[in-house]
Amino acid sequence: MTKVYSTAVVIIPPKDFWVAIQDIRKEYDRNFHRWMPHITLMYPFRPQSEFKSLEHSFLTLCKSIKSFEISFSKIKQFYHSKQNYTLWLAPEPDSLIINLQSKLLAITPDCNDINLFQGGFKPHLSVGQIKGNQKLTNFKKKFQETWIPFKFKVKSVYFIAREKLKSSRFEITNEFLMK
């Protein structure tokens, strides 16, 4: 099956929580203008031309999954190389998101690219990139002093898509409500 980097399956926090997230992303995330705040479940995903044929399966499955609450109180990082890091908010409990993603993969098992990273699928909400151990330490200290934890109920899964141009923004194309 074909997969493209212009579509994804994600969880999107309610807009009420975007200001705090976007304040960090505006300063630290080079993808700020391309992606809305989100937790990736599948990326790359199927071409938008296949969304119609996938709708029924996603709709049916999501209606069978109970909505759940997650909270964000911690910042973590992925280490890449040469003191390069990706900063991310850690959803808790992550086991509920891992379970959700596992069920969704039953529909499109070939869209498991994010599961192939060392350590497997790690739910996260990216907020930026940073270079240097001291900058990371300073950022985390400031974050802990100023961050106000929040939580929300995950009630939907979304298909998002963008034009093939690298500068284009992702937009919601489909929402699948959970029970």
N, C-alpha and C. Protein backbone atom coordinates (compact mmCIF):
# COMPACT_ATOMS: atom_id res chain seq x y z
N MET A 1 0.83 -1.19 0.00
CA MET A 1 0.00 0.00 0.00
C MET A 1 0.88 1.25 0.00
N THR A 2 0.35 2.31 -0.55
CA THR A 2 1.07 3.57 -0.64
C THR A 2 0.89 4.38 0.64
N LYS A 3 1.98 5.01 1.10
CA LYS A 3 1.93 5.94 2.23
C LYS A 3 2.57 7.25 1.78
N VAL A 4 2.07 8.35 2.34
CA VAL A 4 2.57 9.67 1.98
C VAL A 4 2.84 10.49 3.24
N TYR A 5 3.73 11.47 3.10
CA TYR A 5 4.06 12.36 4.22
C TYR A 5 3.18 13.60 4.28
N SER A 6 2.12 13.60 3.51
CA SER A 6 1.20 14.73 3.51
C SER A 6 -0.11 14.40 4.22
N THR A 7 -0.17 13.24 4.90
CA THR A 7 -1.35 12.88 5.69
C THR A 7 -0.89 12.21 6.98
N ALA A 8 -1.78 12.21 7.98
CA ALA A 8 -1.48 11.58 9.27
C ALA A 8 -2.79 11.29 10.00
N VAL A 9 -2.68 10.43 11.01
CA VAL A 9 -3.78 10.18 11.95
C VAL A 9 -3.28 10.68 13.31
N VAL A 10 -4.08 11.54 13.95
CA VAL A 10 -3.60 12.22 15.15
C VAL A 10 -4.71 12.39 16.20
N ILE A 11 -4.26 12.72 17.41
CA ILE A 11 -5.11 13.25 18.47
C ILE A 11 -4.79 14.74 18.53
N ILE A 12 -5.80 15.57 18.60
CA ILE A 12 -5.61 17.02 18.68
C ILE A 12 -6.23 17.52 19.98
N PRO A 13 -5.44 18.23 20.80
CA PRO A 13 -6.03 18.78 22.03
C PRO A 13 -7.09 19.82 21.70
N PRO A 14 -8.06 20.00 22.60
CA PRO A 14 -9.05 21.07 22.38
C PRO A 14 -8.35 22.43 22.28
N LYS A 15 -8.91 23.32 21.49
CA LYS A 15 -8.29 24.63 21.25
C LYS A 15 -8.09 25.44 22.54
N ASP A 16 -8.87 25.13 23.58
CA ASP A 16 -8.71 25.83 24.86
C ASP A 16 -7.28 25.71 25.40
N PHE A 17 -6.57 24.67 25.01
CA PHE A 17 -5.23 24.40 25.54
C PHE A 17 -4.12 24.79 24.58
N TRP A 18 -4.48 25.31 23.42
CA TRP A 18 -3.48 25.62 22.41
C TRP A 18 -2.56 26.77 22.79
N VAL A 19 -3.05 27.77 23.51
CA VAL A 19 -2.24 28.96 23.79
C VAL A 19 -0.94 28.57 24.51
N ALA A 20 -1.04 27.79 25.57
CA ALA A 20 0.16 27.39 26.33
C ALA A 20 1.11 26.57 25.46
N ILE A 21 0.57 25.68 24.66
CA ILE A 21 1.40 24.84 23.78
C ILE A 21 2.04 25.69 22.69
N GLN A 22 1.23 26.54 22.07
CA GLN A 22 1.72 27.34 20.95
C GLN A 22 2.75 28.39 21.40
N ASP A 23 2.65 28.85 22.64
CA ASP A 23 3.65 29.80 23.14
C ASP A 23 5.04 29.17 23.13
N ILE A 24 5.12 27.90 23.48
CA ILE A 24 6.41 27.19 23.44
C ILE A 24 6.80 26.92 22.00
N ARG A 25 5.86 26.40 21.22
CA ARG A 25 6.16 26.02 19.83
C ARG A 25 6.60 27.21 19.00
N LYS A 26 5.98 28.37 19.23
CA LYS A 26 6.31 29.57 18.46
C LYS A 26 7.81 29.87 18.57
N GLU A 27 8.37 29.64 19.74
CA GLU A 27 9.77 29.95 19.98
C GLU A 27 10.72 28.81 19.59
N TYR A 28 10.26 27.56 19.75
CA TYR A 28 11.19 26.43 19.62
C TYR A 28 10.93 25.46 18.47
N ASP A 29 9.76 25.50 17.86
CA ASP A 29 9.40 24.46 16.89
C ASP A 29 9.48 24.97 15.45
N ARG A 30 10.42 24.42 14.69
CA ARG A 30 10.56 24.84 13.29
C ARG A 30 9.35 24.43 12.45
N ASN A 31 8.52 23.51 12.98
CA ASN A 31 7.31 23.07 12.27
C ASN A 31 6.04 23.76 12.78
N PHE A 32 6.21 24.82 13.53
CA PHE A 32 5.09 25.55 14.13
C PHE A 32 4.01 25.91 13.11
N HIS A 33 4.41 26.39 11.95
CA HIS A 33 3.44 26.84 10.94
C HIS A 33 2.85 25.69 10.13
N ARG A 34 3.44 24.53 10.21
CA ARG A 34 3.00 23.41 9.37
C ARG A 34 2.01 22.48 10.07
N TRP A 35 2.21 22.26 11.37
CA TRP A 35 1.38 21.33 12.14
C TRP A 35 0.64 22.06 13.25
N MET A 36 -0.59 21.64 13.54
CA MET A 36 -1.29 22.09 14.73
C MET A 36 -0.76 21.25 15.91
N PRO A 37 -1.02 21.65 17.17
CA PRO A 37 -0.62 20.79 18.28
C PRO A 37 -1.29 19.42 18.12
N HIS A 38 -0.53 18.35 18.31
CA HIS A 38 -1.09 17.02 18.07
C HIS A 38 -0.22 15.93 18.68
N ILE A 39 -0.82 14.76 18.81
CA ILE A 39 -0.11 13.53 19.14
C ILE A 39 -0.27 12.63 17.92
N THR A 40 0.83 12.24 17.32
CA THR A 40 0.78 11.42 16.12
C THR A 40 0.46 9.97 16.47
N LEU A 41 -0.50 9.40 15.75
CA LEU A 41 -0.84 7.99 15.88
C LEU A 41 -0.32 7.20 14.68
N MET A 42 -0.37 7.80 13.49
CA MET A 42 0.15 7.17 12.27
C MET A 42 0.68 8.26 11.34
N TYR A 43 1.94 8.08 10.92
CA TYR A 43 2.58 9.00 9.98
C TYR A 43 3.85 8.34 9.48
N PRO A 44 4.05 8.27 8.19
CA PRO A 44 3.16 8.68 7.12
C PRO A 44 1.89 7.83 7.10
N PHE A 45 0.89 8.32 6.37
CA PHE A 45 -0.40 7.63 6.30
C PHE A 45 -0.78 7.50 4.82
N ARG A 46 -1.95 6.96 4.61
CA ARG A 46 -2.43 6.73 3.24
C ARG A 46 -2.74 8.05 2.55
N PRO A 47 -2.69 8.06 1.21
CA PRO A 47 -3.02 9.28 0.47
C PRO A 47 -4.47 9.72 0.73
N GLN A 48 -4.70 10.99 0.63
CA GLN A 48 -6.03 11.54 0.86
C GLN A 48 -7.07 10.91 -0.07
N SER A 49 -6.65 10.47 -1.23
CA SER A 49 -7.56 9.82 -2.17
C SER A 49 -8.13 8.50 -1.62
N GLU A 50 -7.51 7.94 -0.58
CA GLU A 50 -7.98 6.70 0.03
C GLU A 50 -8.84 6.94 1.29
N PHE A 51 -8.96 8.18 1.72
CA PHE A 51 -9.70 8.47 2.96
C PHE A 51 -11.13 7.95 2.90
N LYS A 52 -11.80 8.17 1.79
CA LYS A 52 -13.21 7.75 1.67
C LYS A 52 -13.35 6.25 1.93
N SER A 53 -12.43 5.44 1.40
CA SER A 53 -12.53 3.99 1.57
C SER A 53 -12.16 3.56 3.00
N LEU A 54 -11.48 4.41 3.75
CA LEU A 54 -11.09 4.08 5.13
C LEU A 54 -12.08 4.60 6.17
N GLU A 55 -12.92 5.56 5.79
CA GLU A 55 -13.82 6.22 6.74
C GLU A 55 -14.67 5.24 7.55
N HIS A 56 -15.33 4.32 6.90
CA HIS A 56 -16.25 3.41 7.59
C HIS A 56 -15.51 2.59 8.66
N SER A 57 -14.36 2.05 8.31
CA SER A 57 -13.60 1.23 9.27
C SER A 57 -13.15 2.05 10.47
N PHE A 58 -12.66 3.27 10.24
CA PHE A 58 -12.22 4.13 11.35
C PHE A 58 -13.41 4.57 12.19
N LEU A 59 -14.50 4.93 11.54
CA LEU A 59 -15.71 5.35 12.25
C LEU A 59 -16.23 4.23 13.15
N THR A 60 -16.33 3.03 12.61
CA THR A 60 -16.83 1.88 13.36
C THR A 60 -15.93 1.56 14.54
N LEU A 61 -14.63 1.51 14.29
CA LEU A 61 -13.70 1.18 15.37
C LEU A 61 -13.70 2.26 16.45
N CYS A 62 -13.63 3.52 16.06
CA CYS A 62 -13.59 4.60 17.06
C CYS A 62 -14.85 4.61 17.92
N LYS A 63 -16.01 4.32 17.31
CA LYS A 63 -17.26 4.27 18.09
C LYS A 63 -17.24 3.16 19.14
N SER A 64 -16.36 2.17 18.98
CA SER A 64 -16.29 1.07 19.94
C SER A 64 -15.25 1.31 21.04
N ILE A 65 -14.49 2.40 20.93
CA ILE A 65 -13.43 2.69 21.90
C ILE A 65 -13.90 3.78 22.85
N LYS A 66 -13.78 3.50 24.13
CA LYS A 66 -14.21 4.47 25.15
C LYS A 66 -13.25 5.65 25.21
N SER A 67 -13.81 6.86 25.24
CA SER A 67 -12.97 8.05 25.38
C SER A 67 -12.24 7.99 26.73
N PHE A 68 -11.14 8.72 26.83
CA PHE A 68 -10.31 8.65 28.03
C PHE A 68 -9.64 10.00 28.27
N GLU A 69 -9.20 10.20 29.50
CA GLU A 69 -8.57 11.46 29.88
C GLU A 69 -7.05 11.29 29.93
N ILE A 70 -6.35 12.31 29.43
CA ILE A 70 -4.89 12.36 29.55
C ILE A 70 -4.49 13.70 30.13
N SER A 71 -3.32 13.73 30.77
CA SER A 71 -2.83 14.98 31.34
C SER A 71 -1.41 15.24 30.85
N PHE A 72 -1.02 16.50 30.95
CA PHE A 72 0.29 16.95 30.51
C PHE A 72 0.92 17.78 31.63
N SER A 73 1.86 17.18 32.34
CA SER A 73 2.53 17.91 33.41
C SER A 73 4.05 17.87 33.26
N LYS A 74 4.57 17.05 32.35
CA LYS A 74 6.02 16.89 32.22
C LYS A 74 6.50 17.17 30.80
N ILE A 75 7.71 17.71 30.74
CA ILE A 75 8.39 17.89 29.46
C ILE A 75 9.50 16.84 29.39
N LYS A 76 9.66 16.23 28.24
CA LYS A 76 10.73 15.25 28.04
C LYS A 76 11.42 15.57 26.73
N GLN A 77 12.41 14.77 26.37
CA GLN A 77 13.13 15.01 25.13
C GLN A 77 13.58 13.69 24.51
N PHE A 78 13.67 13.74 23.19
CA PHE A 78 14.32 12.67 22.43
C PHE A 78 15.71 13.19 22.08
N TYR A 79 16.72 12.37 22.29
CA TYR A 79 18.09 12.73 21.92
C TYR A 79 18.34 12.24 20.50
N HIS A 80 18.88 13.09 19.64
CA HIS A 80 19.15 12.69 18.27
C HIS A 80 20.65 12.46 18.06
N SER A 81 21.44 13.47 18.11
CA SER A 81 22.89 13.36 18.00
C SER A 81 23.49 14.73 18.21
N LYS A 82 24.75 14.76 18.58
CA LYS A 82 25.48 16.03 18.73
C LYS A 82 24.69 17.06 19.53
N GLN A 83 24.12 16.63 20.63
CA GLN A 83 23.35 17.51 21.53
C GLN A 83 22.13 18.13 20.86
N ASN A 84 21.52 17.42 19.92
CA ASN A 84 20.27 17.85 19.30
C ASN A 84 19.12 17.08 19.95
N TYR A 85 18.08 17.81 20.34
CA TYR A 85 16.95 17.21 21.04
C TYR A 85 15.63 17.67 20.44
N THR A 86 14.62 16.80 20.54
CA THR A 86 13.24 17.19 20.29
C THR A 86 12.57 17.28 21.64
N LEU A 87 11.95 18.41 21.92
CA LEU A 87 11.23 18.63 23.18
C LEU A 87 9.78 18.19 23.00
N TRP A 88 9.23 17.53 24.03
CA TRP A 88 7.83 17.09 23.93
C TRP A 88 7.15 17.02 25.28
N LEU A 89 5.84 17.30 25.22
CA LEU A 89 4.99 17.13 26.38
C LEU A 89 4.61 15.65 26.46
N ALA A 90 4.68 15.11 27.67
CA ALA A 90 4.43 13.68 27.88
C ALA A 90 2.98 13.47 28.31
N PRO A 91 2.16 12.84 27.46
CA PRO A 91 0.78 12.54 27.87
C PRO A 91 0.77 11.39 28.87
N GLU A 92 -0.05 11.55 29.91
CA GLU A 92 -0.15 10.51 30.94
C GLU A 92 -1.62 10.17 31.17
N PRO A 93 -2.00 8.91 31.22
CA PRO A 93 -1.14 7.75 30.99
C PRO A 93 -0.96 7.50 29.49
N ASP A 94 0.26 7.18 29.10
CA ASP A 94 0.51 6.94 27.67
C ASP A 94 -0.01 5.58 27.22
N SER A 95 -0.26 4.68 28.16
CA SER A 95 -0.74 3.33 27.82
C SER A 95 -2.09 3.37 27.10
N LEU A 96 -2.94 4.34 27.42
CA LEU A 96 -4.24 4.45 26.76
C LEU A 96 -4.08 4.85 25.29
N ILE A 97 -3.10 5.70 25.02
CA ILE A 97 -2.83 6.12 23.63
C ILE A 97 -2.18 4.97 22.86
N ILE A 98 -1.27 4.26 23.51
CA ILE A 98 -0.64 3.10 22.87
C ILE A 98 -1.70 2.07 22.50
N ASN A 99 -2.64 1.84 23.39
CA ASN A 99 -3.73 0.89 23.13
C ASN A 99 -4.60 1.37 21.96
N LEU A 100 -4.95 2.65 21.95
CA LEU A 100 -5.74 3.23 20.86
C LEU A 100 -5.01 3.04 19.53
N GLN A 101 -3.74 3.40 19.49
CA GLN A 101 -2.99 3.30 18.25
C GLN A 101 -2.90 1.84 17.78
N SER A 102 -2.72 0.94 18.70
CA SER A 102 -2.65 -0.49 18.36
C SER A 102 -3.94 -0.97 17.69
N LYS A 103 -5.07 -0.53 18.21
CA LYS A 103 -6.36 -0.90 17.61
C LYS A 103 -6.53 -0.29 16.22
N LEU A 104 -6.11 0.96 16.05
CA LEU A 104 -6.22 1.62 14.75
C LEU A 104 -5.32 0.97 13.71
N LEU A 105 -4.17 0.48 14.15
CA LEU A 105 -3.25 -0.17 13.23
C LEU A 105 -3.84 -1.45 12.63
N ALA A 106 -4.84 -2.03 13.27
CA ALA A 106 -5.49 -3.22 12.72
C ALA A 106 -6.14 -2.89 11.37
N ILE A 107 -6.52 -1.62 11.17
CA ILE A 107 -7.14 -1.20 9.91
C ILE A 107 -6.08 -0.98 8.83
N THR A 108 -4.99 -0.32 9.21
CA THR A 108 -3.92 -0.01 8.26
C THR A 108 -2.57 -0.44 8.86
N PRO A 109 -2.32 -1.74 8.95
CA PRO A 109 -1.12 -2.23 9.62
C PRO A 109 0.20 -1.78 8.98
N ASP A 110 0.16 -1.42 7.72
CA ASP A 110 1.37 -0.96 7.05
C ASP A 110 1.76 0.47 7.46
N CYS A 111 0.89 1.16 8.17
CA CYS A 111 1.16 2.54 8.59
C CYS A 111 1.78 2.59 9.99
N ASN A 112 2.70 1.69 10.23
CA ASN A 112 3.30 1.53 11.55
C ASN A 112 4.69 2.16 11.66
N ASP A 113 5.03 3.08 10.80
CA ASP A 113 6.37 3.66 10.77
C ASP A 113 6.84 4.19 12.13
N ILE A 114 5.95 4.86 12.87
CA ILE A 114 6.37 5.42 14.16
C ILE A 114 6.57 4.34 15.22
N ASN A 115 6.14 3.13 14.94
CA ASN A 115 6.38 2.02 15.86
C ASN A 115 7.77 1.42 15.65
N LEU A 116 8.42 1.77 14.56
CA LEU A 116 9.70 1.17 14.21
C LEU A 116 10.90 1.89 14.83
N PHE A 117 10.66 3.02 15.51
CA PHE A 117 11.74 3.72 16.19
C PHE A 117 12.25 2.85 17.34
N GLN A 118 13.50 3.05 17.72
CA GLN A 118 14.04 2.32 18.85
C GLN A 118 13.15 2.59 20.07
N GLY A 119 12.71 1.55 20.72
CA GLY A 119 11.81 1.70 21.86
C GLY A 119 10.34 1.66 21.47
N GLY A 120 10.04 1.59 20.17
CA GLY A 120 8.65 1.49 19.72
C GLY A 120 7.92 2.82 19.76
N PHE A 121 6.60 2.74 19.69
CA PHE A 121 5.74 3.93 19.67
C PHE A 121 5.78 4.61 21.02
N LYS A 122 6.11 5.90 21.04
CA LYS A 122 6.14 6.69 22.27
C LYS A 122 5.23 7.90 22.07
N PRO A 123 4.00 7.85 22.61
CA PRO A 123 3.09 9.00 22.45
C PRO A 123 3.73 10.28 23.00
N HIS A 124 3.62 11.34 22.22
CA HIS A 124 4.19 12.62 22.63
C HIS A 124 3.56 13.76 21.84
N LEU A 125 3.63 14.95 22.41
CA LEU A 125 3.18 16.16 21.75
C LEU A 125 4.41 17.05 21.59
N SER A 126 4.97 17.07 20.40
CA SER A 126 6.21 17.82 20.15
C SER A 126 5.97 19.32 20.33
N VAL A 127 6.94 19.97 20.98
CA VAL A 127 6.86 21.42 21.16
C VAL A 127 8.09 22.14 20.63
N GLY A 128 9.09 21.38 20.15
CA GLY A 128 10.23 22.07 19.57
C GLY A 128 11.49 21.25 19.49
N GLN A 129 12.52 21.93 19.03
CA GLN A 129 13.83 21.34 18.91
C GLN A 129 14.82 22.28 19.59
N ILE A 130 15.86 21.69 20.16
CA ILE A 130 16.86 22.51 20.86
C ILE A 130 18.21 21.85 20.68
N LYS A 131 19.25 22.67 20.63
CA LYS A 131 20.60 22.15 20.47
C LYS A 131 21.44 22.62 21.66
N GLY A 132 22.10 21.66 22.30
CA GLY A 132 23.00 21.98 23.41
C GLY A 132 22.45 21.53 24.75
N ASN A 133 23.32 20.90 25.52
CA ASN A 133 22.91 20.39 26.83
C ASN A 133 22.52 21.51 27.79
N GLN A 134 23.27 22.61 27.77
CA GLN A 134 22.97 23.72 28.68
C GLN A 134 21.64 24.37 28.32
N LYS A 135 21.37 24.55 27.02
CA LYS A 135 20.10 25.12 26.59
C LYS A 135 18.94 24.21 27.01
N LEU A 136 19.15 22.90 26.89
CA LEU A 136 18.13 21.94 27.31
C LEU A 136 17.87 22.06 28.81
N THR A 137 18.93 22.09 29.60
CA THR A 137 18.79 22.22 31.05
C THR A 137 18.06 23.51 31.42
N ASN A 138 18.44 24.62 30.79
CA ASN A 138 17.79 25.91 31.07
C ASN A 138 16.32 25.89 30.68
N PHE A 139 16.02 25.31 29.51
CA PHE A 139 14.64 25.23 29.06
C PHE A 139 13.81 24.42 30.05
N LYS A 140 14.29 23.27 30.45
CA LYS A 140 13.52 22.40 31.35
C LYS A 140 13.30 23.06 32.72
N LYS A 141 14.29 23.79 33.20
CA LYS A 141 14.16 24.50 34.48
C LYS A 141 13.05 25.56 34.36
N LYS A 142 13.11 26.35 33.30
CA LYS A 142 12.11 27.39 33.07
C LYS A 142 10.72 26.77 32.91
N PHE A 143 10.65 25.67 32.16
CA PHE A 143 9.38 24.98 31.95
C PHE A 143 8.77 24.56 33.29
N GLN A 144 9.55 23.91 34.13
CA GLN A 144 9.04 23.42 35.42
C GLN A 144 8.56 24.57 36.31
N GLU A 145 9.19 25.73 36.18
CA GLU A 145 8.81 26.89 36.99
C GLU A 145 7.53 27.56 36.49
N THR A 146 7.23 27.46 35.20
CA THR A 146 6.13 28.23 34.63
C THR A 146 4.96 27.40 34.09
N TRP A 147 5.18 26.13 33.82
CA TRP A 147 4.15 25.30 33.18
C TRP A 147 2.98 25.05 34.12
N ILE A 148 1.79 25.23 33.61
CA ILE A 148 0.57 24.90 34.35
C ILE A 148 -0.01 23.65 33.71
N PRO A 149 0.06 22.51 34.44
CA PRO A 149 -0.45 21.25 33.87
C PRO A 149 -1.91 21.36 33.44
N PHE A 150 -2.27 20.58 32.43
CA PHE A 150 -3.66 20.53 32.01
C PHE A 150 -4.01 19.10 31.62
N LYS A 151 -5.31 18.85 31.53
CA LYS A 151 -5.78 17.53 31.09
C LYS A 151 -7.01 17.73 30.23
N PHE A 152 -7.25 16.75 29.39
CA PHE A 152 -8.45 16.78 28.57
C PHE A 152 -8.87 15.36 28.24
N LYS A 153 -10.11 15.25 27.82
CA LYS A 153 -10.66 13.96 27.43
C LYS A 153 -10.44 13.75 25.94
N VAL A 154 -9.81 12.63 25.59
CA VAL A 154 -9.62 12.27 24.19
C VAL A 154 -10.93 11.67 23.72
N LYS A 155 -11.63 12.39 22.85
CA LYS A 155 -12.96 11.97 22.38
C LYS A 155 -12.98 11.70 20.89
N SER A 156 -11.88 12.03 20.19
CA SER A 156 -11.86 11.90 18.74
C SER A 156 -10.46 11.55 18.24
N VAL A 157 -10.46 10.95 17.08
CA VAL A 157 -9.25 10.71 16.30
C VAL A 157 -9.46 11.45 14.98
N TYR A 158 -8.38 12.02 14.44
CA TYR A 158 -8.50 12.86 13.24
C TYR A 158 -7.60 12.36 12.11
N PHE A 159 -8.11 12.48 10.90
CA PHE A 159 -7.28 12.43 9.70
C PHE A 159 -6.91 13.88 9.42
N ILE A 160 -5.64 14.13 9.14
CA ILE A 160 -5.21 15.46 8.71
C ILE A 160 -4.44 15.31 7.40
N ALA A 161 -4.46 16.38 6.61
CA ALA A 161 -3.78 16.35 5.32
C ALA A 161 -3.31 17.75 4.98
N ARG A 162 -2.32 17.79 4.10
CA ARG A 162 -1.81 19.06 3.58
C ARG A 162 -1.51 18.88 2.11
N GLU A 163 -1.34 19.99 1.42
CA GLU A 163 -0.90 19.94 0.03
C GLU A 163 0.52 19.36 0.01
N LYS A 164 0.94 18.89 -1.11
CA LYS A 164 2.26 18.25 -1.20
C LYS A 164 3.43 19.23 -1.04
N LEU A 165 3.18 20.53 -1.16
CA LEU A 165 4.23 21.52 -0.95
C LEU A 165 4.72 21.45 0.49
N LYS A 166 6.02 21.50 0.71
CA LYS A 166 6.57 21.39 2.06
C LYS A 166 6.11 22.51 2.99
N SER A 167 5.77 23.65 2.44
CA SER A 167 5.37 24.80 3.26
C SER A 167 3.87 24.80 3.61
N SER A 168 3.11 23.87 3.05
CA SER A 168 1.66 23.87 3.29
C SER A 168 1.32 23.37 4.69
N ARG A 169 0.18 23.82 5.19
CA ARG A 169 -0.27 23.49 6.55
C ARG A 169 -1.17 22.27 6.55
N PHE A 170 -1.06 21.47 7.61
CA PHE A 170 -2.00 20.37 7.80
C PHE A 170 -3.35 20.93 8.24
N GLU A 171 -4.40 20.33 7.74
CA GLU A 171 -5.77 20.70 8.10
C GLU A 171 -6.54 19.42 8.42
N ILE A 172 -7.52 19.53 9.28
CA ILE A 172 -8.38 18.39 9.61
C ILE A 172 -9.28 18.08 8.42
N THR A 173 -9.32 16.82 8.03
CA THR A 173 -10.22 16.41 6.95
C THR A 173 -11.35 15.52 7.47
N ASN A 174 -11.07 14.73 8.52
CA ASN A 174 -12.07 13.82 9.08
C ASN A 174 -11.92 13.76 10.59
N GLU A 175 -13.04 13.68 11.29
CA GLU A 175 -13.05 13.48 12.73
C GLU A 175 -13.84 12.22 13.02
N PHE A 176 -13.29 11.35 13.85
CA PHE A 176 -13.96 10.10 14.22
C PHE A 176 -14.17 10.11 15.73
N LEU A 177 -15.44 10.26 16.13
CA LEU A 177 -15.79 10.33 17.54
C LEU A 177 -15.70 8.96 18.20
N MET A 178 -15.22 8.99 19.45
CA MET A 178 -15.15 7.77 20.25
C MET A 178 -16.38 7.71 21.15
N LYS A 179 -16.58 6.56 21.77
CA LYS A 179 -17.78 6.45 22.62
C LYS A 179 -17.58 7.06 23.98
